[in-house]
Amino acid sequence: TVDAGDGSGQVRYAALPRDQQAKGLKERLRDYAQKVYKKTKTVVQEERTDVVCMRENSFYIDTVKAFRDRRYEYKGLTKAWKKKRVKAESSGDKGAQKNAED
């Protein structure tokens, strides 16, 4: 039995209208959660649909392109200096070897 809320006393839960059943259940659940988990606020998760794709944002595009360009430049320079080092080692020139290693 549940308090009817209108001062008429106790009423069976099944005899209450659906909205009052839902209200009573929510209230009891809130009280239970408050006692057991010390939590009163209910967190609602909602699905968002208006998310901006990173591919559409010019900042991300520019950042990725700049990183790619720097990487290719670095790889090219590494390859060029490796060739210079190998050439200096094969020629036996100590000054050129030191310059290529630095």
PDB file of N, CA and C in Angstrom:
ATOM      1  N   THR A   1       0.833  -1.190   0.000  1.00  0.00           N
ATOM      2  CA  THR A   1       0.000   0.000   0.000  1.00  0.00           C
ATOM      3  C   THR A   1       0.876   1.251   0.000  1.00  0.00           C
ATOM      4  N   VAL A   2       0.328   2.298  -0.609  1.00  0.00           N
ATOM      5  CA  VAL A   2       1.047   3.549  -0.783  1.00  0.00           C
ATOM      6  C   VAL A   2       0.147   4.682  -0.345  1.00  0.00           C
ATOM      7  N   ASP A   3       0.760   5.748   0.151  1.00  0.00           N
ATOM      8  CA  ASP A   3      -0.004   6.935   0.533  1.00  0.00           C
ATOM      9  C   ASP A   3      -0.576   7.549  -0.737  1.00  0.00           C
ATOM     10  N   ALA A   4      -1.855   7.798  -0.767  1.00  0.00           N
ATOM     11  CA  ALA A   4      -2.526   8.306  -1.957  1.00  0.00           C
ATOM     12  C   ALA A   4      -2.137   9.742  -2.265  1.00  0.00           C
ATOM     13  N   GLY A   5      -1.700  10.479  -1.293  1.00  0.00           N
ATOM     14  CA  GLY A   5      -1.259  11.841  -1.528  1.00  0.00           C
ATOM     15  C   GLY A   5      -2.364  12.872  -1.422  1.00  0.00           C
ATOM     16  N   ASP A   6      -3.597  12.440  -1.322  1.00  0.00           N
ATOM     17  CA  ASP A   6      -4.706  13.390  -1.225  1.00  0.00           C
ATOM     18  C   ASP A   6      -5.339  13.387   0.171  1.00  0.00           C
ATOM     19  N   GLY A   7      -4.646  12.750   1.129  1.00  0.00           N
ATOM     20  CA  GLY A   7      -5.144  12.751   2.508  1.00  0.00           C
ATOM     21  C   GLY A   7      -6.162  11.659   2.775  1.00  0.00           C
ATOM     22  N   SER A   8      -6.464  10.788   1.811  1.00  0.00           N
ATOM     23  CA  SER A   8      -7.472   9.753   2.009  1.00  0.00           C
ATOM     24  C   SER A   8      -6.892   8.490   2.615  1.00  0.00           C
ATOM     25  N   GLY A   9      -5.601   8.458   2.893  1.00  0.00           N
ATOM     26  CA  GLY A   9      -5.000   7.288   3.542  1.00  0.00           C
ATOM     27  C   GLY A   9      -4.219   6.435   2.565  1.00  0.00           C
ATOM     28  N   GLN A  10      -4.165   5.138   2.863  1.00  0.00           N
ATOM     29  CA  GLN A  10      -3.374   4.185   2.090  1.00  0.00           C
ATOM     30  C   GLN A  10      -4.197   3.597   0.940  1.00  0.00           C
ATOM     31  N   VAL A  11      -3.537   3.454  -0.228  1.00  0.00           N
ATOM     32  CA  VAL A  11      -4.175   2.866  -1.408  1.00  0.00           C
ATOM     33  C   VAL A  11      -3.213   1.836  -1.971  1.00  0.00           C
ATOM     34  N   ARG A  12      -3.742   0.779  -2.560  1.00  0.00           N
ATOM     35  CA  ARG A  12      -2.874  -0.229  -3.182  1.00  0.00           C
ATOM     36  C   ARG A  12      -2.155   0.393  -4.367  1.00  0.00           C
ATOM     37  N   TYR A  13      -0.906  -0.030  -4.544  1.00  0.00           N
ATOM     38  CA  TYR A  13      -0.072   0.525  -5.618  1.00  0.00           C
ATOM     39  C   TYR A  13      -0.701   0.270  -6.986  1.00  0.00           C
ATOM     40  N   ALA A  14      -1.243  -0.906  -7.197  1.00  0.00           N
ATOM     41  CA  ALA A  14      -1.840  -1.264  -8.488  1.00  0.00           C
ATOM     42  C   ALA A  14      -3.097  -0.445  -8.779  1.00  0.00           C
ATOM     43  N   ALA A  15      -3.752   0.079  -7.738  1.00  0.00           N
ATOM     44  CA  ALA A  15      -4.974   0.851  -7.929  1.00  0.00           C
ATOM     45  C   ALA A  15      -4.687   2.307  -8.304  1.00  0.00           C
ATOM     46  N   LEU A  16      -3.448   2.735  -8.170  1.00  0.00           N
ATOM     47  CA  LEU A  16      -3.100   4.124  -8.504  1.00  0.00           C
ATOM     48  C   LEU A  16      -3.031   4.308 -10.013  1.00  0.00           C
ATOM     49  N   PRO A  17      -3.300   5.519 -10.494  1.00  0.00           N
ATOM     50  CA  PRO A  17      -3.118   5.800 -11.921  1.00  0.00           C
ATOM     51  C   PRO A  17      -1.628   5.714 -12.284  1.00  0.00           C
ATOM     52  N   ARG A  18      -1.343   5.518 -13.577  1.00  0.00           N
ATOM     53  CA  ARG A  18       0.044   5.329 -14.044  1.00  0.00           C
ATOM     54  C   ARG A  18       0.960   6.492 -13.667  1.00  0.00           C
ATOM     55  N   ASP A  19       0.477   7.717 -13.793  1.00  0.00           N
ATOM     56  CA  ASP A  19       1.345   8.862 -13.490  1.00  0.00           C
ATOM     57  C   ASP A  19       1.723   8.900 -12.013  1.00  0.00           C
ATOM     58  N   GLN A  20       0.791   8.552 -11.139  1.00  0.00           N
ATOM     59  CA  GLN A  20       1.104   8.508  -9.708  1.00  0.00           C
ATOM     60  C   GLN A  20       2.008   7.328  -9.377  1.00  0.00           C
ATOM     61  N   GLN A  21       1.833   6.208 -10.077  1.00  0.00           N
ATOM     62  CA  GLN A  21       2.735   5.066  -9.888  1.00  0.00           C
ATOM     63  C   GLN A  21       4.164   5.464 -10.257  1.00  0.00           C
ATOM     64  N   ALA A  22       4.307   6.133 -11.402  1.00  0.00           N
ATOM     65  CA  ALA A  22       5.632   6.550 -11.856  1.00  0.00           C
ATOM     66  C   ALA A  22       6.243   7.551 -10.875  1.00  0.00           C
ATOM     67  N   LYS A  23       5.432   8.480 -10.395  1.00  0.00           N
ATOM     68  CA  LYS A  23       5.915   9.482  -9.447  1.00  0.00           C
ATOM     69  C   LYS A  23       6.370   8.816  -8.146  1.00  0.00           C
ATOM     70  N   GLY A  24       5.568   7.883  -7.654  1.00  0.00           N
ATOM     71  CA  GLY A  24       5.923   7.167  -6.420  1.00  0.00           C
ATOM     72  C   GLY A  24       7.175   6.325  -6.580  1.00  0.00           C
ATOM     73  N   LEU A  25       7.281   5.664  -7.719  1.00  0.00           N
ATOM     74  CA  LEU A  25       8.462   4.834  -7.981  1.00  0.00           C
ATOM     75  C   LEU A  25       9.723   5.691  -8.064  1.00  0.00           C
ATOM     76  N   LYS A  26       9.615   6.816  -8.737  1.00  0.00           N
ATOM     77  CA  LYS A  26      10.756   7.721  -8.869  1.00  0.00           C
ATOM     78  C   LYS A  26      11.178   8.247  -7.498  1.00  0.00           C
ATOM     79  N   GLU A  27      10.197   8.585  -6.673  1.00  0.00           N
ATOM     80  CA  GLU A  27      10.486   9.106  -5.341  1.00  0.00           C
ATOM     81  C   GLU A  27      11.157   8.046  -4.472  1.00  0.00           C
ATOM     82  N   ARG A  28      10.660   6.824  -4.530  1.00  0.00           N
ATOM     83  CA  ARG A  28      11.254   5.734  -3.741  1.00  0.00           C
ATOM     84  C   ARG A  28      12.651   5.401  -4.225  1.00  0.00           C
ATOM     85  N   LEU A  29      12.846   5.438  -5.529  1.00  0.00           N
ATOM     86  CA  LEU A  29      14.163   5.166  -6.078  1.00  0.00           C
ATOM     87  C   LEU A  29      15.156   6.253  -5.672  1.00  0.00           C
ATOM     88  N   ARG A  30      14.717   7.504  -5.697  1.00  0.00           N
ATOM     89  CA  ARG A  30      15.559   8.619  -5.279  1.00  0.00           C
ATOM     90  C   ARG A  30      15.943   8.469  -3.805  1.00  0.00           C
ATOM     91  N   ASP A  31      14.977   8.129  -2.968  1.00  0.00           N
ATOM     92  CA  ASP A  31      15.254   7.938  -1.539  1.00  0.00           C
ATOM     93  C   ASP A  31      16.231   6.783  -1.317  1.00  0.00           C
ATOM     94  N   TYR A  32      16.043   5.694  -2.045  1.00  0.00           N
ATOM     95  CA  TYR A  32      16.939   4.539  -1.930  1.00  0.00           C
ATOM     96  C   TYR A  32      18.357   4.912  -2.354  1.00  0.00           C
ATOM     97  N   ALA A  33      18.470   5.588  -3.482  1.00  0.00           N
ATOM     98  CA  ALA A  33      19.794   5.974  -3.975  1.00  0.00           C
ATOM     99  C   ALA A  33      20.461   6.936  -3.004  1.00  0.00           C
ATOM    100  N   GLN A  34      19.688   7.818  -2.407  1.00  0.00           N
ATOM    101  CA  GLN A  34      20.238   8.774  -1.452  1.00  0.00           C
ATOM    102  C   GLN A  34      20.768   8.043  -0.223  1.00  0.00           C
ATOM    103  N   LYS A  35      20.057   7.033   0.244  1.00  0.00           N
ATOM    104  CA  LYS A  35      20.497   6.293   1.425  1.00  0.00           C
ATOM    105  C   LYS A  35      21.706   5.415   1.116  1.00  0.00           C
ATOM    106  N   VAL A  36      21.644   4.705   0.017  1.00  0.00           N
ATOM    107  CA  VAL A  36      22.681   3.724  -0.289  1.00  0.00           C
ATOM    108  C   VAL A  36      23.904   4.353  -0.921  1.00  0.00           C
ATOM    109  N   TYR A  37      23.716   5.184  -1.919  1.00  0.00           N
ATOM    110  CA  TYR A  37      24.839   5.720  -2.684  1.00  0.00           C
ATOM    111  C   TYR A  37      25.193   7.158  -2.323  1.00  0.00           C
ATOM    112  N   LYS A  38      24.429   7.776  -1.438  1.00  0.00           N
ATOM    113  CA  LYS A  38      24.639   9.174  -1.064  1.00  0.00           C
ATOM    114  C   LYS A  38      24.594  10.086  -2.289  1.00  0.00           C
ATOM    115  N   LYS A  39      23.690   9.773  -3.174  1.00  0.00           N
ATOM    116  CA  LYS A  39      23.591  10.509  -4.431  1.00  0.00           C
ATOM    117  C   LYS A  39      22.128  10.860  -4.680  1.00  0.00           C
ATOM    118  N   THR A  40      21.854  12.151  -4.948  1.00  0.00           N
ATOM    119  CA  THR A  40      20.474  12.566  -5.169  1.00  0.00           C
ATOM    120  C   THR A  40      20.230  13.028  -6.592  1.00  0.00           C
ATOM    121  N   LYS A  41      21.280  13.482  -7.270  1.00  0.00           N
ATOM    122  CA  LYS A  41      21.101  14.020  -8.616  1.00  0.00           C
ATOM    123  C   LYS A  41      21.125  12.886  -9.634  1.00  0.00           C
ATOM    124  N   THR A  42      20.168  12.922 -10.552  1.00  0.00           N
ATOM    125  CA  THR A  42      20.120  11.932 -11.616  1.00  0.00           C
ATOM    126  C   THR A  42      20.799  12.506 -12.847  1.00  0.00           C
ATOM    127  N   VAL A  43      21.774  11.778 -13.382  1.00  0.00           N
ATOM    128  CA  VAL A  43      22.498  12.217 -14.566  1.00  0.00           C
ATOM    129  C   VAL A  43      21.818  11.640 -15.795  1.00  0.00           C
ATOM    130  N   VAL A  44      21.485  12.516 -16.729  1.00  0.00           N
ATOM    131  CA  VAL A  44      20.822  12.086 -17.950  1.00  0.00           C
ATOM    132  C   VAL A  44      21.833  12.132 -19.092  1.00  0.00           C
ATOM    133  N   GLN A  45      21.960  11.022 -19.798  1.00  0.00           N
ATOM    134  CA  GLN A  45      22.838  10.988 -20.959  1.00  0.00           C
ATOM    135  C   GLN A  45      21.974  11.139 -22.189  1.00  0.00           C
ATOM    136  N   GLU A  46      22.362  12.069 -23.050  1.00  0.00           N
ATOM    137  CA  GLU A  46      21.599  12.284 -24.263  1.00  0.00           C
ATOM    138  C   GLU A  46      22.523  12.177 -25.458  1.00  0.00           C
ATOM    139  N   GLU A  47      21.998  11.708 -26.525  1.00  0.00           N
ATOM    140  CA  GLU A  47      22.786  11.517 -27.730  1.00  0.00           C
ATOM    141  C   GLU A  47      22.870  12.833 -28.494  1.00  0.00           C
ATOM    142  N   ARG A  48      24.092  13.222 -28.850  1.00  0.00           N
ATOM    143  CA  ARG A  48      24.281  14.460 -29.598  1.00  0.00           C
ATOM    144  C   ARG A  48      24.445  14.130 -31.068  1.00  0.00           C
ATOM    145  N   THR A  49      23.904  15.024 -31.893  1.00  0.00           N
ATOM    146  CA  THR A  49      23.984  14.785 -33.330  1.00  0.00           C
ATOM    147  C   THR A  49      24.756  15.859 -34.069  1.00  0.00           C
ATOM    148  N   ASP A  50      24.918  17.036 -33.478  1.00  0.00           N
ATOM    149  CA  ASP A  50      25.563  18.154 -34.159  1.00  0.00           C
ATOM    150  C   ASP A  50      27.047  18.248 -33.799  1.00  0.00           C
ATOM    151  N   VAL A  51      27.797  17.216 -34.156  1.00  0.00           N
ATOM    152  CA  VAL A  51      29.232  17.203 -33.889  1.00  0.00           C
ATOM    153  C   VAL A  51      29.950  17.612 -35.167  1.00  0.00           C
ATOM    154  N   VAL A  52      30.895  18.548 -35.031  1.00  0.00           N
ATOM    155  CA  VAL A  52      31.641  19.022 -36.195  1.00  0.00           C
ATOM    156  C   VAL A  52      32.736  18.009 -36.495  1.00  0.00           C
ATOM    157  N   CYS A  53      32.757  17.540 -37.695  1.00  0.00           N
ATOM    158  CA  CYS A  53      33.769  16.579 -38.118  1.00  0.00           C
ATOM    159  C   CYS A  53      35.107  17.294 -38.233  1.00  0.00           C
ATOM    160  N   MET A  54      36.180  16.623 -37.804  1.00  0.00           N
ATOM    161  CA  MET A  54      37.499  17.251 -37.865  1.00  0.00           C
ATOM    162  C   MET A  54      37.919  17.495 -39.305  1.00  0.00           C
ATOM    163  N   ARG A  55      37.409  16.684 -40.222  1.00  0.00           N
ATOM    164  CA  ARG A  55      37.766  16.874 -41.627  1.00  0.00           C
ATOM    165  C   ARG A  55      37.162  18.157 -42.198  1.00  0.00           C
ATOM    166  N   GLU A  56      36.140  18.665 -41.536  1.00  0.00           N
ATOM    167  CA  GLU A  56      35.498  19.887 -42.008  1.00  0.00           C
ATOM    168  C   GLU A  56      36.090  21.136 -41.352  1.00  0.00           C
ATOM    169  N   ASN A  57      36.900  20.963 -40.311  1.00  0.00           N
ATOM    170  CA  ASN A  57      37.468  22.092 -39.598  1.00  0.00           C
ATOM    171  C   ASN A  57      38.837  22.423 -40.182  1.00  0.00           C
ATOM    172  N   SER A  58      39.014  23.646 -40.683  1.00  0.00           N
ATOM    173  CA  SER A  58      40.247  24.018 -41.379  1.00  0.00           C
ATOM    174  C   SER A  58      41.456  23.976 -40.449  1.00  0.00           C
ATOM    175  N   PHE A  59      41.267  24.235 -39.151  1.00  0.00           N
ATOM    176  CA  PHE A  59      42.391  24.186 -38.224  1.00  0.00           C
ATOM    177  C   PHE A  59      43.028  22.805 -38.210  1.00  0.00           C
ATOM    178  N   TYR A  60      42.205  21.760 -38.121  1.00  0.00           N
ATOM    179  CA  TYR A  60      42.732  20.401 -38.090  1.00  0.00           C
ATOM    180  C   TYR A  60      43.380  20.029 -39.418  1.00  0.00           C
ATOM    181  N   ILE A  61      42.764  20.430 -40.497  1.00  0.00           N
ATOM    182  CA  ILE A  61      43.306  20.128 -41.823  1.00  0.00           C
ATOM    183  C   ILE A  61      44.672  20.780 -41.980  1.00  0.00           C
ATOM    184  N   ASP A  62      44.774  22.057 -41.623  1.00  0.00           N
ATOM    185  CA  ASP A  62      46.054  22.766 -41.739  1.00  0.00           C
ATOM    186  C   ASP A  62      47.119  22.154 -40.842  1.00  0.00           C
ATOM    187  N   THR A  63      46.732  21.742 -39.646  1.00  0.00           N
ATOM    188  CA  THR A  63      47.686  21.141 -38.722  1.00  0.00           C
ATOM    189  C   THR A  63      48.230  19.833 -39.277  1.00  0.00           C
ATOM    190  N   VAL A  64      47.357  19.000 -39.793  1.00  0.00           N
ATOM    191  CA  VAL A  64      47.782  17.710 -40.343  1.00  0.00           C
ATOM    192  C   VAL A  64      48.669  17.915 -41.571  1.00  0.00           C
ATOM    193  N   LYS A  65      48.311  18.841 -42.425  1.00  0.00           N
ATOM    194  CA  LYS A  65      49.132  19.106 -43.613  1.00  0.00           C
ATOM    195  C   LYS A  65      50.501  19.646 -43.231  1.00  0.00           C
ATOM    196  N   ALA A  66      50.560  20.537 -42.259  1.00  0.00           N
ATOM    197  CA  ALA A  66      51.849  21.084 -41.821  1.00  0.00           C
ATOM    198  C   ALA A  66      52.731  19.981 -41.241  1.00  0.00           C
ATOM    199  N   PHE A  67      52.129  19.097 -40.451  1.00  0.00           N
ATOM    200  CA  PHE A  67      52.898  17.978 -39.887  1.00  0.00           C
ATOM    201  C   PHE A  67      53.418  17.076 -40.997  1.00  0.00           C
ATOM    202  N   ARG A  68      52.560  16.777 -41.950  1.00  0.00           N
ATOM    203  CA  ARG A  68      52.973  15.930 -43.074  1.00  0.00           C
ATOM    204  C   ARG A  68      54.122  16.572 -43.845  1.00  0.00           C
ATOM    205  N   ASP A  69      54.026  17.870 -44.117  1.00  0.00           N
ATOM    206  CA  ASP A  69      55.072  18.562 -44.864  1.00  0.00           C
ATOM    207  C   ASP A  69      56.392  18.579 -44.096  1.00  0.00           C
ATOM    208  N   ARG A  70      56.321  18.840 -42.782  1.00  0.00           N
ATOM    209  CA  ARG A  70      57.546  18.823 -41.975  1.00  0.00           C
ATOM    210  C   ARG A  70      58.167  17.433 -41.953  1.00  0.00           C
ATOM    211  N   ARG A  71      57.354  16.432 -41.881  1.00  0.00           N
ATOM    212  CA  ARG A  71      57.852  15.048 -41.859  1.00  0.00           C
ATOM    213  C   ARG A  71      58.550  14.707 -43.160  1.00  0.00           C
ATOM    214  N   TYR A  72      57.951  15.048 -44.282  1.00  0.00           N
ATOM    215  CA  TYR A  72      58.582  14.767 -45.581  1.00  0.00           C
ATOM    216  C   TYR A  72      59.889  15.532 -45.722  1.00  0.00           C
ATOM    217  N   GLU A  73      59.906  16.783 -45.245  1.00  0.00           N
ATOM    218  CA  GLU A  73      61.137  17.577 -45.318  1.00  0.00           C
ATOM    219  C   GLU A  73      62.230  16.926 -44.463  1.00  0.00           C
ATOM    220  N   TYR A  74      61.866  16.494 -43.265  1.00  0.00           N
ATOM    221  CA  TYR A  74      62.824  15.852 -42.372  1.00  0.00           C
ATOM    222  C   TYR A  74      63.356  14.560 -42.986  1.00  0.00           C
ATOM    223  N   LYS A  75      62.458  13.753 -43.542  1.00  0.00           N
ATOM    224  CA  LYS A  75      62.893  12.498 -44.158  1.00  0.00           C
ATOM    225  C   LYS A  75      63.831  12.757 -45.324  1.00  0.00           C
ATOM    226  N   GLY A  76      63.533  13.773 -46.125  1.00  0.00           N
ATOM    227  CA  GLY A  76      64.386  14.115 -47.265  1.00  0.00           C
ATOM    228  C   GLY A  76      65.766  14.547 -46.825  1.00  0.00           C
ATOM    229  N   LEU A  77      65.827  15.405 -45.795  1.00  0.00           N
ATOM    230  CA  LEU A  77      67.113  15.861 -45.277  1.00  0.00           C
ATOM    231  C   LEU A  77      67.907  14.713 -44.660  1.00  0.00           C
ATOM    232  N   THR A  78      67.226  13.834 -43.950  1.00  0.00           N
ATOM    233  CA  THR A  78      67.897  12.677 -43.352  1.00  0.00           C
ATOM    234  C   THR A  78      68.532  11.813 -44.427  1.00  0.00           C
ATOM    235  N   LYS A  79      67.800  11.582 -45.486  1.00  0.00           N
ATOM    236  CA  LYS A  79      68.303  10.766 -46.594  1.00  0.00           C
ATOM    237  C   LYS A  79      69.506  11.437 -47.263  1.00  0.00           C
ATOM    238  N   ALA A  80      69.423  12.737 -47.483  1.00  0.00           N
ATOM    239  CA  ALA A  80      70.513  13.471 -48.126  1.00  0.00           C
ATOM    240  C   ALA A  80      71.771  13.439 -47.271  1.00  0.00           C
ATOM    241  N   TRP A  81      71.637  13.672 -45.952  1.00  0.00           N
ATOM    242  CA  TRP A  81      72.809  13.690 -45.086  1.00  0.00           C
ATOM    243  C   TRP A  81      73.392  12.288 -44.893  1.00  0.00           C
ATOM    244  N   LYS A  82      72.531  11.277 -44.972  1.00  0.00           N
ATOM    245  CA  LYS A  82      73.047   9.902 -44.892  1.00  0.00           C
ATOM    246  C   LYS A  82      73.924   9.615 -46.105  1.00  0.00           C
ATOM    247  N   LYS A  83      73.505  10.064 -47.277  1.00  0.00           N
ATOM    248  CA  LYS A  83      74.306   9.884 -48.495  1.00  0.00           C
ATOM    249  C   LYS A  83      75.640  10.624 -48.366  1.00  0.00           C
ATOM    250  N   LYS A  84      75.598  11.849 -47.808  1.00  0.00           N
ATOM    251  CA  LYS A  84      76.829  12.608 -47.620  1.00  0.00           C
ATOM    252  C   LYS A  84      77.776  11.900 -46.660  1.00  0.00           C
ATOM    253  N   ARG A  85      77.229  11.310 -45.600  1.00  0.00           N
ATOM    254  CA  ARG A  85      78.051  10.598 -44.619  1.00  0.00           C
ATOM    255  C   ARG A  85      78.699   9.374 -45.233  1.00  0.00           C
ATOM    256  N   VAL A  86      77.911   8.603 -46.001  1.00  0.00           N
ATOM    257  CA  VAL A  86      78.451   7.410 -46.659  1.00  0.00           C
ATOM    258  C   VAL A  86      79.546   7.809 -47.648  1.00  0.00           C
ATOM    259  N   LYS A  87      79.314   8.882 -48.371  1.00  0.00           N
ATOM    260  CA  LYS A  87      80.316   9.352 -49.348  1.00  0.00           C
ATOM    261  C   LYS A  87      81.594   9.795 -48.627  1.00  0.00           C
ATOM    262  N   ALA A  88      81.456  10.486 -47.497  1.00  0.00           N
ATOM    263  CA  ALA A  88      82.619  10.942 -46.731  1.00  0.00           C
ATOM    264  C   ALA A  88      83.377   9.762 -46.135  1.00  0.00           C
ATOM    265  N   GLU A  89      82.653   8.745 -45.673  1.00  0.00           N
ATOM    266  CA  GLU A  89      83.302   7.560 -45.105  1.00  0.00           C
ATOM    267  C   GLU A  89      84.083   6.802 -46.168  1.00  0.00           C
ATOM    268  N   SER A  90      83.492   6.714 -47.363  1.00  0.00           N
ATOM    269  CA  SER A  90      84.173   5.987 -48.433  1.00  0.00           C
ATOM    270  C   SER A  90      85.403   6.739 -48.937  1.00  0.00           C
ATOM    271  N   SER A  91      85.379   8.074 -48.878  1.00  0.00           N
ATOM    272  CA  SER A  91      86.535   8.853 -49.346  1.00  0.00           C
ATOM    273  C   SER A  91      87.626   8.939 -48.280  1.00  0.00           C
ATOM    274  N   GLY A  92      87.287   8.735 -47.022  1.00  0.00           N
ATOM    275  CA  GLY A  92      88.255   8.759 -45.944  1.00  0.00           C
ATOM    276  C   GLY A  92      88.583  10.156 -45.462  1.00  0.00           C
ATOM    277  N   ASP A  93      87.873  11.169 -45.893  1.00  0.00           N
ATOM    278  CA  ASP A  93      88.117  12.554 -45.486  1.00  0.00           C
ATOM    279  C   ASP A  93      87.517  12.778 -44.096  1.00  0.00           C
ATOM    280  N   LYS A  94      88.399  13.009 -43.079  1.00  0.00           N
ATOM    281  CA  LYS A  94      87.941  13.154 -41.698  1.00  0.00           C
ATOM    282  C   LYS A  94      87.089  14.410 -41.486  1.00  0.00           C
ATOM    283  N   GLY A  95      87.462  15.511 -42.128  1.00  0.00           N
ATOM    284  CA  GLY A  95      86.694  16.748 -42.001  1.00  0.00           C
ATOM    285  C   GLY A  95      85.282  16.609 -42.571  1.00  0.00           C
ATOM    286  N   ALA A  96      85.175  15.972 -43.722  1.00  0.00           N
ATOM    287  CA  ALA A  96      83.859  15.761 -44.322  1.00  0.00           C
ATOM    288  C   ALA A  96      83.028  14.788 -43.494  1.00  0.00           C
ATOM    289  N   GLN A  97      83.664  13.771 -42.900  1.00  0.00           N
ATOM    290  CA  GLN A  97      82.962  12.818 -42.043  1.00  0.00           C
ATOM    291  C   GLN A  97      82.378  13.528 -40.826  1.00  0.00           C
ATOM    292  N   LYS A  98      83.196  14.354 -40.176  1.00  0.00           N
ATOM    293  CA  LYS A  98      82.748  15.077 -38.983  1.00  0.00           C
ATOM    294  C   LYS A  98      81.601  16.015 -39.337  1.00  0.00           C
ATOM    295  N   ASN A  99      81.696  16.707 -40.464  1.00  0.00           N
ATOM    296  CA  ASN A  99      80.642  17.616 -40.908  1.00  0.00           C
ATOM    297  C   ASN A  99      79.351  16.852 -41.201  1.00  0.00           C
ATOM    298  N   ALA A 100      79.473  15.670 -41.820  1.00  0.00           N
ATOM    299  CA  ALA A 100      78.284  14.878 -42.167  1.00  0.00           C
ATOM    300  C   ALA A 100      77.610  14.288 -40.930  1.00  0.00           C
ATOM    301  N   GLU A 101      78.393  13.942 -39.919  1.00  0.00           N
ATOM    302  CA  GLU A 101      77.821  13.353 -38.704  1.00  0.00           C
ATOM    303  C   GLU A 101      77.118  14.415 -37.854  1.00  0.00           C
ATOM    304  N   ASP A 102      77.605  15.643 -37.880  1.00  0.00           N
ATOM    305  CA  ASP A 102      76.979  16.714 -37.094  1.00  0.00           C
ATOM    306  C   ASP A 102      75.781  17.211 -37.849  1.00  0.00           C
TER     307      ASP A 102
END
